[in-house]
Every structure is written in C-alpha cells, then in structure tokens.
N, C-alpha and C. Protein backbone atom coordinates (compact mmCIF):
# COMPACT_ATOMS: atom_id res chain seq x y z
N MET A 1 1.03 -1.23 -0.02
CA MET A 1 0.04 0.22 -0.04
C MET A 1 0.85 1.41 -0.05
N ASN A 2 1.89 1.14 0.72
CA ASN A 2 2.77 2.27 0.71
C ASN A 2 3.37 2.88 -0.61
N GLU A 3 3.74 1.65 -1.35
CA GLU A 3 4.40 2.12 -2.81
C GLU A 3 3.26 2.67 -3.43
N LEU A 4 2.04 1.98 -3.48
CA LEU A 4 0.74 2.76 -4.37
C LEU A 4 0.53 4.30 -3.97
N VAL A 5 0.42 4.53 -2.43
CA VAL A 5 0.24 5.78 -2.06
C VAL A 5 1.16 6.69 -2.50
N ALA A 6 2.81 6.19 -2.41
CA ALA A 6 3.79 7.11 -2.89
C ALA A 6 3.62 7.41 -4.35
N ALA A 7 3.36 6.35 -5.37
CA ALA A 7 3.31 6.55 -6.46
C ALA A 7 1.93 7.86 -6.87
N LEU A 8 0.99 7.33 -6.48
CA LEU A 8 -0.31 8.37 -6.45
C LEU A 8 -0.03 9.57 -6.03
N LEU A 9 0.53 9.83 -4.99
CA LEU A 9 1.07 11.01 -4.55
C LEU A 9 1.81 11.92 -5.11
N LEU A 10 2.87 11.21 -5.73
CA LEU A 10 3.82 11.85 -6.79
C LEU A 10 2.91 12.41 -8.06
N TRP A 11 2.23 11.18 -8.51
CA TRP A 11 1.12 11.91 -9.72
C TRP A 11 0.48 12.84 -9.60
N ALA A 12 -0.13 13.10 -8.08
CA ALA A 12 -1.08 14.14 -7.87
C ALA A 12 -0.54 15.68 -7.82
N SER A 13 0.98 15.53 -7.00
CA SER A 13 1.68 16.51 -6.91
C SER A 13 2.16 16.97 -8.23
N GLN A 14 2.65 16.39 -9.19
CA GLN A 14 2.86 16.44 -10.75
C GLN A 14 1.78 17.19 -11.28
N SER A 15 0.49 16.80 -11.15
CA SER A 15 -0.69 17.03 -11.92
C SER A 15 -1.10 18.44 -11.32
N THR A 16 -0.84 18.63 -9.73
CA THR A 16 -1.68 19.73 -9.52
C THR A 16 -0.71 21.14 -9.13
N GLY A 17 0.51 20.77 -9.08
CA GLY A 17 1.62 21.58 -8.74
C GLY A 17 1.84 21.83 -7.31
N TYR A 18 1.28 21.24 -6.58
CA TYR A 18 1.33 21.08 -5.14
C TYR A 18 2.52 20.22 -4.78
N PRO A 19 3.33 20.89 -3.96
CA PRO A 19 4.54 19.87 -3.48
C PRO A 19 4.42 18.69 -2.56
N ALA A 20 5.09 17.68 -3.37
CA ALA A 20 4.69 16.23 -2.82
C ALA A 20 5.26 15.99 -1.56
N GLN A 21 6.24 17.01 -0.84
CA GLN A 21 6.93 16.73 0.30
C GLN A 21 5.94 16.97 1.60
N ILE A 22 5.02 16.08 1.78
CA ILE A 22 4.07 16.17 2.80
C ILE A 22 3.95 15.14 3.94
N GLU A 23 3.59 15.20 5.00
CA GLU A 23 3.21 14.01 6.01
C GLU A 23 2.42 13.13 5.05
N VAL A 24 2.81 12.17 4.73
CA VAL A 24 1.73 10.94 4.08
C VAL A 24 0.83 10.52 4.98
N PRO A 25 -0.62 10.63 4.37
CA PRO A 25 -1.73 10.23 5.36
C PRO A 25 -1.66 8.95 5.48
N ARG A 26 -2.14 8.49 6.48
CA ARG A 26 -2.27 7.04 7.17
C ARG A 26 -3.56 6.64 6.06
N VAL A 27 -3.89 5.48 5.78
CA VAL A 27 -4.75 5.14 4.73
C VAL A 27 -5.36 4.00 5.74
N GLU A 28 -6.67 3.91 5.70
CA GLU A 28 -7.46 3.12 6.58
C GLU A 28 -8.60 2.49 5.95
N LEU A 29 -9.14 1.15 5.85
CA LEU A 29 -10.11 0.70 5.16
C LEU A 29 -11.28 0.93 6.31
N ALA A 30 -12.38 1.10 5.54
CA ALA A 30 -13.60 1.33 6.38
C ALA A 30 -15.02 0.68 5.64
N SER A 31 -15.87 0.32 6.30
CA SER A 31 -17.29 0.10 5.73
C SER A 31 -17.95 1.16 5.39
N THR A 32 -18.94 0.98 4.30
CA THR A 32 -19.63 1.89 3.79
C THR A 32 -20.42 2.65 4.78
N ALA A 33 -21.00 1.83 5.79
CA ALA A 33 -21.66 2.56 7.07
C ALA A 33 -20.72 3.66 7.74
N GLN A 34 -19.46 3.14 7.89
CA GLN A 34 -18.52 3.78 8.50
C GLN A 34 -18.15 5.14 7.90
N LEU A 35 -18.08 4.95 6.62
CA LEU A 35 -17.74 6.15 5.86
C LEU A 35 -18.97 7.18 5.83
N GLN A 36 -20.19 6.59 5.79
CA GLN A 36 -21.34 7.45 5.64
C GLN A 36 -21.43 8.12 7.05
N ALA A 37 -21.23 7.54 8.15
CA ALA A 37 -21.08 8.12 9.77
C ALA A 37 -20.02 9.42 9.53
N HIS A 38 -18.90 8.89 9.20
CA HIS A 38 -18.08 10.08 9.31
C HIS A 38 -18.17 11.24 8.41
N PHE A 39 -18.81 10.99 7.20
CA PHE A 39 -19.39 12.24 6.38
C PHE A 39 -20.17 12.82 6.91
N ALA A 40 -21.18 12.27 7.69
CA ALA A 40 -22.42 13.04 8.36
C ALA A 40 -21.80 13.78 9.55
N ALA A 41 -20.55 13.21 10.18
CA ALA A 41 -20.15 13.78 11.27
C ALA A 41 -19.41 15.00 11.04
N GLY A 42 -19.16 15.14 9.83
CA GLY A 42 -18.23 16.35 9.34
C GLY A 42 -19.35 17.51 9.08
N GLY A 43 -20.63 17.26 9.12
CA GLY A 43 -21.46 18.30 9.04
C GLY A 43 -22.01 18.14 7.46
N ALA A 44 -21.98 17.18 6.84
CA ALA A 44 -22.35 16.99 5.44
C ALA A 44 -23.54 16.38 5.47
N ASN A 45 -24.49 16.30 4.67
CA ASN A 45 -25.59 15.60 4.53
C ASN A 45 -25.52 14.37 3.52
N ALA A 46 -25.40 13.33 4.17
CA ALA A 46 -25.04 12.07 3.49
C ALA A 46 -26.18 11.28 3.05
N ALA A 47 -27.28 11.71 3.15
CA ALA A 47 -28.49 11.17 2.49
C ALA A 47 -28.42 11.02 1.09
N GLY A 48 -28.40 9.68 0.34
CA GLY A 48 -28.61 9.66 -0.88
C GLY A 48 -27.29 9.78 -1.28
N GLN A 49 -26.11 9.98 -0.88
CA GLN A 49 -24.91 10.00 -1.35
C GLN A 49 -24.00 8.89 -1.03
N GLN A 50 -23.44 8.18 -1.99
CA GLN A 50 -22.53 7.08 -1.83
C GLN A 50 -20.83 7.85 -1.61
N VAL A 51 -20.50 7.42 -0.37
CA VAL A 51 -19.24 7.98 -0.15
C VAL A 51 -18.08 6.84 -0.07
N ALA A 52 -17.20 6.89 -1.26
CA ALA A 52 -16.35 5.71 -1.62
C ALA A 52 -15.05 5.99 -0.64
N ALA A 53 -14.55 7.21 -0.26
CA ALA A 53 -13.54 7.53 0.29
C ALA A 53 -13.58 8.97 0.75
N LEU A 54 -12.66 9.27 2.00
CA LEU A 54 -12.78 10.45 2.60
C LEU A 54 -11.54 10.83 3.22
N TYR A 55 -11.06 12.21 3.01
CA TYR A 55 -9.68 12.64 3.94
C TYR A 55 -10.33 13.25 5.27
N GLU A 56 -9.57 12.90 6.44
CA GLU A 56 -9.87 13.58 7.59
C GLU A 56 -8.55 14.28 7.75
N PRO A 57 -8.60 15.56 7.64
CA PRO A 57 -7.30 16.45 7.85
C PRO A 57 -7.05 16.51 9.19
N ALA A 58 -7.83 16.41 10.08
CA ALA A 58 -7.41 16.58 11.54
C ALA A 58 -6.68 15.42 12.09
N ARG A 59 -6.98 14.17 11.48
CA ARG A 59 -6.07 13.10 11.62
C ARG A 59 -5.00 12.70 10.66
N ASN A 60 -5.21 13.29 9.71
CA ASN A 60 -4.09 13.07 8.40
C ASN A 60 -4.50 11.68 8.14
N VAL A 61 -5.79 11.31 7.83
CA VAL A 61 -6.16 9.92 7.66
C VAL A 61 -6.96 10.08 6.41
N ILE A 62 -6.83 8.81 5.28
CA ILE A 62 -7.72 8.66 4.43
C ILE A 62 -8.42 7.31 4.85
N LEU A 63 -9.91 7.29 4.68
CA LEU A 63 -10.65 6.27 4.83
C LEU A 63 -11.19 5.59 3.74
N LEU A 64 -10.78 4.59 3.35
CA LEU A 64 -11.14 4.01 1.90
C LEU A 64 -12.48 2.93 2.05
N ASP A 65 -13.19 2.85 1.45
CA ASP A 65 -14.25 1.67 1.29
C ASP A 65 -13.69 0.37 1.01
N THR A 66 -14.05 -0.51 2.20
CA THR A 66 -13.33 -1.88 1.78
C THR A 66 -13.87 -2.48 0.26
N THR A 67 -14.65 -1.99 -0.28
CA THR A 67 -15.32 -2.65 -1.62
C THR A 67 -14.24 -2.02 -2.87
N LEU A 68 -13.59 -0.81 -2.47
CA LEU A 68 -12.98 -0.49 -3.59
C LEU A 68 -11.85 -1.50 -3.89
N ASP A 69 -11.61 -1.67 -5.29
CA ASP A 69 -10.67 -2.44 -5.82
C ASP A 69 -9.38 -1.56 -6.34
N LEU A 70 -8.51 -1.62 -5.53
CA LEU A 70 -7.10 -0.82 -5.55
C LEU A 70 -6.49 -1.17 -6.84
N SER A 71 -6.60 -2.56 -7.42
CA SER A 71 -5.79 -2.81 -8.33
C SER A 71 -6.20 -2.63 -9.95
N THR A 72 -7.41 -1.69 -9.56
CA THR A 72 -7.99 -1.20 -10.95
C THR A 72 -7.62 0.29 -11.00
N PRO A 73 -7.50 0.84 -12.08
CA PRO A 73 -7.44 2.53 -12.33
C PRO A 73 -8.63 3.33 -11.59
N LEU A 74 -9.69 2.82 -11.78
CA LEU A 74 -11.01 3.34 -11.06
C LEU A 74 -10.83 3.32 -9.56
N GLY A 75 -10.40 2.06 -8.77
CA GLY A 75 -10.35 2.18 -7.49
C GLY A 75 -9.28 2.87 -7.00
N ARG A 76 -8.13 3.14 -7.83
CA ARG A 76 -6.91 3.80 -7.17
C ARG A 76 -7.61 5.43 -7.35
N SER A 77 -8.25 5.67 -8.42
CA SER A 77 -8.66 7.16 -8.61
C SER A 77 -9.29 7.78 -7.24
N TYR A 78 -10.03 7.00 -6.68
CA TYR A 78 -10.56 7.33 -5.18
C TYR A 78 -9.69 7.75 -4.47
N LEU A 79 -8.57 6.91 -4.22
CA LEU A 79 -7.27 7.18 -3.32
C LEU A 79 -6.74 8.43 -3.74
N LEU A 80 -6.27 8.65 -5.10
CA LEU A 80 -5.82 9.62 -5.83
C LEU A 80 -6.67 11.03 -5.24
N HIS A 81 -8.01 10.77 -5.54
CA HIS A 81 -8.64 12.04 -5.13
C HIS A 81 -8.45 12.67 -3.64
N GLU A 82 -8.31 11.48 -2.72
CA GLU A 82 -8.24 12.03 -1.41
C GLU A 82 -6.76 12.44 -1.16
N LEU A 83 -5.85 11.97 -1.98
CA LEU A 83 -4.37 12.30 -1.91
C LEU A 83 -4.46 13.96 -2.18
N VAL A 84 -5.16 14.17 -3.31
CA VAL A 84 -5.20 15.76 -3.86
C VAL A 84 -5.89 16.63 -2.50
N HIS A 85 -6.69 16.00 -1.71
CA HIS A 85 -7.10 16.80 -0.44
C HIS A 85 -5.98 17.00 0.62
N ALA A 86 -5.19 15.99 0.66
CA ALA A 86 -4.04 16.05 1.42
C ALA A 86 -3.17 16.98 1.13
N LEU A 87 -2.81 16.91 -0.16
CA LEU A 87 -1.96 18.11 -0.57
C LEU A 87 -2.61 19.40 -0.61
N GLN A 88 -3.81 19.74 -0.86
CA GLN A 88 -4.31 20.89 -0.49
C GLN A 88 -4.28 21.40 0.75
N PHE A 89 -4.58 20.36 1.81
CA PHE A 89 -4.49 21.02 3.05
C PHE A 89 -3.09 21.27 3.51
N ALA A 90 -2.11 20.30 3.12
CA ALA A 90 -0.49 20.60 3.45
C ALA A 90 -0.22 22.03 3.00
N ALA A 91 -0.74 22.36 1.89
CA ALA A 91 -0.45 23.75 1.20
C ALA A 91 -1.21 25.10 1.72
N GLY A 92 -2.26 24.70 2.65
CA GLY A 92 -3.23 25.58 3.16
C GLY A 92 -4.18 26.09 2.10
N ARG A 93 -4.60 25.41 1.20
CA ARG A 93 -5.29 25.98 0.20
C ARG A 93 -6.69 26.00 0.75
N GLN A 94 -7.23 25.25 2.01
CA GLN A 94 -8.56 25.37 2.32
C GLN A 94 -8.86 26.71 2.80
N ALA A 95 -7.68 27.59 3.17
CA ALA A 95 -7.99 29.03 3.94
C ALA A 95 -8.13 29.96 2.67
N GLU A 96 -7.81 29.68 1.60
CA GLU A 96 -7.79 30.50 0.45
C GLU A 96 -9.15 30.26 -0.37
N VAL A 97 -9.81 29.39 0.09
CA VAL A 97 -11.19 29.39 -1.06
C VAL A 97 -12.21 29.75 -0.34
N ARG A 98 -13.17 30.32 -1.39
CA ARG A 98 -14.72 30.69 -0.48
C ARG A 98 -15.47 29.47 -0.05
N CYS A 99 -15.41 28.41 -0.67
CA CYS A 99 -16.21 27.51 -0.38
C CYS A 99 -15.49 26.01 -0.50
N VAL A 100 -15.63 24.98 0.22
CA VAL A 100 -15.11 23.71 0.13
C VAL A 100 -15.27 23.11 -1.23
N GLY A 101 -16.47 23.36 -2.05
CA GLY A 101 -16.58 22.68 -3.10
C GLY A 101 -15.61 23.24 -4.22
N LEU A 102 -14.81 24.16 -4.29
CA LEU A 102 -13.63 24.43 -5.32
C LEU A 102 -12.40 23.53 -4.95
N LEU A 103 -12.35 22.97 -3.42
CA LEU A 103 -11.32 21.82 -3.11
C LEU A 103 -11.81 20.65 -3.73
N GLU A 104 -13.04 20.50 -3.70
CA GLU A 104 -13.70 19.21 -4.23
C GLU A 104 -13.44 19.20 -5.78
N SER A 105 -13.64 20.18 -6.43
CA SER A 105 -13.82 20.55 -7.89
C SER A 105 -12.23 20.03 -8.42
N GLU A 106 -11.26 20.80 -7.74
CA GLU A 106 -10.06 20.48 -8.02
C GLU A 106 -9.66 18.94 -7.86
N ALA A 107 -10.16 18.27 -7.03
CA ALA A 107 -9.71 16.96 -6.51
C ALA A 107 -10.59 16.12 -7.64
N TYR A 108 -11.75 16.55 -8.20
CA TYR A 108 -12.49 15.70 -9.23
C TYR A 108 -11.72 16.03 -10.36
N SER A 109 -11.12 17.01 -10.79
CA SER A 109 -10.64 17.50 -12.04
C SER A 109 -9.27 16.28 -12.26
N THR A 110 -8.65 16.71 -10.90
CA THR A 110 -7.38 15.68 -11.28
C THR A 110 -7.69 14.03 -11.16
N GLN A 111 -8.64 13.64 -10.73
CA GLN A 111 -9.25 12.27 -10.48
C GLN A 111 -9.62 12.18 -12.21
N ALA A 112 -10.40 12.89 -12.66
CA ALA A 112 -10.75 12.67 -14.25
C ALA A 112 -9.54 12.59 -15.04
N ARG A 113 -8.61 13.38 -14.97
CA ARG A 113 -7.32 13.52 -15.62
C ARG A 113 -6.58 12.16 -15.63
N TYR A 114 -6.52 11.62 -14.36
CA TYR A 114 -6.08 10.19 -14.03
C TYR A 114 -7.00 9.27 -14.95
N LEU A 115 -8.20 9.16 -14.61
CA LEU A 115 -8.72 8.19 -15.38
C LEU A 115 -8.75 8.37 -17.00
N LYS A 116 -8.49 9.62 -17.32
CA LYS A 116 -8.21 9.73 -19.03
C LYS A 116 -7.03 9.14 -19.47
N ASP A 117 -6.06 9.40 -18.60
CA ASP A 117 -4.71 8.84 -18.90
C ASP A 117 -4.69 7.13 -18.56
N HIS A 118 -5.78 6.82 -18.06
CA HIS A 118 -5.54 5.42 -17.85
C HIS A 118 -6.97 4.86 -18.86
N ASP A 119 -6.98 5.47 -19.76
CA ASP A 119 -7.96 4.81 -20.89
C ASP A 119 -9.30 4.69 -20.36
N LEU A 120 -9.98 5.45 -19.56
CA LEU A 120 -11.24 5.26 -18.88
C LEU A 120 -12.05 6.58 -19.08
N PRO A 121 -12.32 6.83 -20.49
CA PRO A 121 -13.08 8.11 -20.95
C PRO A 121 -14.14 8.49 -20.25
N GLN A 122 -15.15 7.37 -20.15
CA GLN A 122 -16.42 7.40 -19.78
C GLN A 122 -16.47 8.03 -18.19
N ALA A 123 -15.60 7.27 -17.32
CA ALA A 123 -15.36 7.54 -15.91
C ALA A 123 -14.88 8.82 -15.82
N ALA A 124 -14.01 9.25 -16.80
CA ALA A 124 -13.27 10.48 -16.61
C ALA A 124 -14.33 11.71 -16.79
N SER A 125 -15.17 11.62 -17.77
CA SER A 125 -16.13 12.40 -18.11
C SER A 125 -17.14 12.68 -17.02
N LEU A 126 -17.43 11.70 -16.29
CA LEU A 126 -18.31 11.75 -15.16
C LEU A 126 -17.65 12.60 -13.91
N HIS A 127 -16.59 12.02 -13.69
CA HIS A 127 -15.79 12.90 -12.78
C HIS A 127 -15.48 14.37 -13.07
N SER A 128 -15.31 14.63 -14.32
CA SER A 128 -15.24 16.31 -14.69
C SER A 128 -16.43 16.72 -14.48
N ILE A 129 -17.51 15.93 -14.82
CA ILE A 129 -19.02 16.63 -14.43
C ILE A 129 -19.07 16.94 -13.02
N LEU A 130 -18.69 16.11 -12.38
CA LEU A 130 -18.93 15.94 -10.67
C LEU A 130 -17.97 17.48 -10.42
N GLY A 131 -16.82 17.52 -10.83
CA GLY A 131 -16.08 18.60 -10.46
C GLY A 131 -16.52 19.83 -10.84
N LEU A 132 -17.09 20.05 -11.92
CA LEU A 132 -17.84 21.31 -12.49
C LEU A 132 -18.92 21.75 -11.50
N MET A 133 -19.77 20.64 -11.00
CA MET A 133 -21.17 20.80 -10.14
C MET A 133 -20.36 21.30 -8.92
N GLN A 134 -19.23 20.83 -8.15
CA GLN A 134 -19.13 21.26 -7.07
C GLN A 134 -18.54 22.63 -7.20
N ALA A 135 -17.73 23.07 -8.18
CA ALA A 135 -17.01 24.43 -8.19
C ALA A 135 -18.42 25.47 -8.31
N GLY A 136 -19.48 25.27 -8.39
CA GLY A 136 -20.41 26.26 -8.23
C GLY A 136 -20.63 26.92 -6.93
N CYS A 137 -20.43 26.40 -5.77
CA CYS A 137 -20.45 26.62 -4.48
C CYS A 137 -21.79 26.94 -3.98
N GLY A 138 -22.79 26.60 -4.63
CA GLY A 138 -24.13 27.02 -4.22
C GLY A 138 -24.70 28.05 -5.01
N TRP A 139 -25.74 28.44 -4.72
CA TRP A 139 -26.51 29.64 -5.16
C TRP A 139 -26.22 30.70 -4.18
N PRO A 140 -25.93 31.97 -4.77
CA PRO A 140 -25.85 33.26 -3.76
C PRO A 140 -26.98 33.29 -3.31
N GLU A 141 -27.05 33.79 -2.12
CA GLU A 141 -28.33 34.31 -1.28
C GLU A 141 -28.56 35.75 -1.37
C-alpha cells in the first residue's frame, strides 16, 4: 500500500503543482456505513450520497471503502482524489477558497485526468462533470 500511495501522491503533485513533500496520510479501510457516519459527522448531509473515500485532515487519515478494488485504475482514482485533498490541506489551500466545493472541484478534475490517462474516458467524463458541479459553490443568497 505504501508504494501505491507514494506513486499516486507523486502523480497528484505533478498534476496539481502542489509540493509532494508532505506528511503522508495514513490509509485505513472502512465499511460503507462507517464512511457514511464520518461524512455526516463532518456536517455534510450524507442522505442519498455514496461515499467511497474521504480525507480527515485533523487526523491526516484517508478512509477507503473496503469494496474499492485498488488493483484497478478506477479504484485507485478514489485514493488519488483523497491524496489531492491531503496536498491541498498541506499547502493551506482550504484557507484561500470561498467554499469547500472548490477543493472538491480540483480533486475531481485531477481524478478525471488520471482516469483519462488510464483509458477510462467515460469515468473521466463523469468525474469532470462532478467537479464542475462542485465548483459552483451553491446559489448566492
């Protein structure tokens, strides 16, 4: 797992421009129910959302659903997405954006590039769209 994390971290760093020299997050496996609970505990509405992975900056831990197949590019792309968040937090990016959706948008866009580079154009398109949806940051009040 350490080699995979190191390779994906380097790829994410090269793709985003964030420095790769960070404290590497610990990766833990979690059930779908555990991921949903962590997601909801962070203040998000998890109803109707599938959570395959998440990054907990306070603990510097990535939680991955036990059903993800890390031997496939699609499965690895979820770990890559969370590593982008680790890079963002290490660079202090969360303090610079007006909403968390912009962080998500960047992570989805990076994930989409990874999927495209691994000949998964349909999955890449889907993740690109998800990134665009996140970048809107909701409707102005």
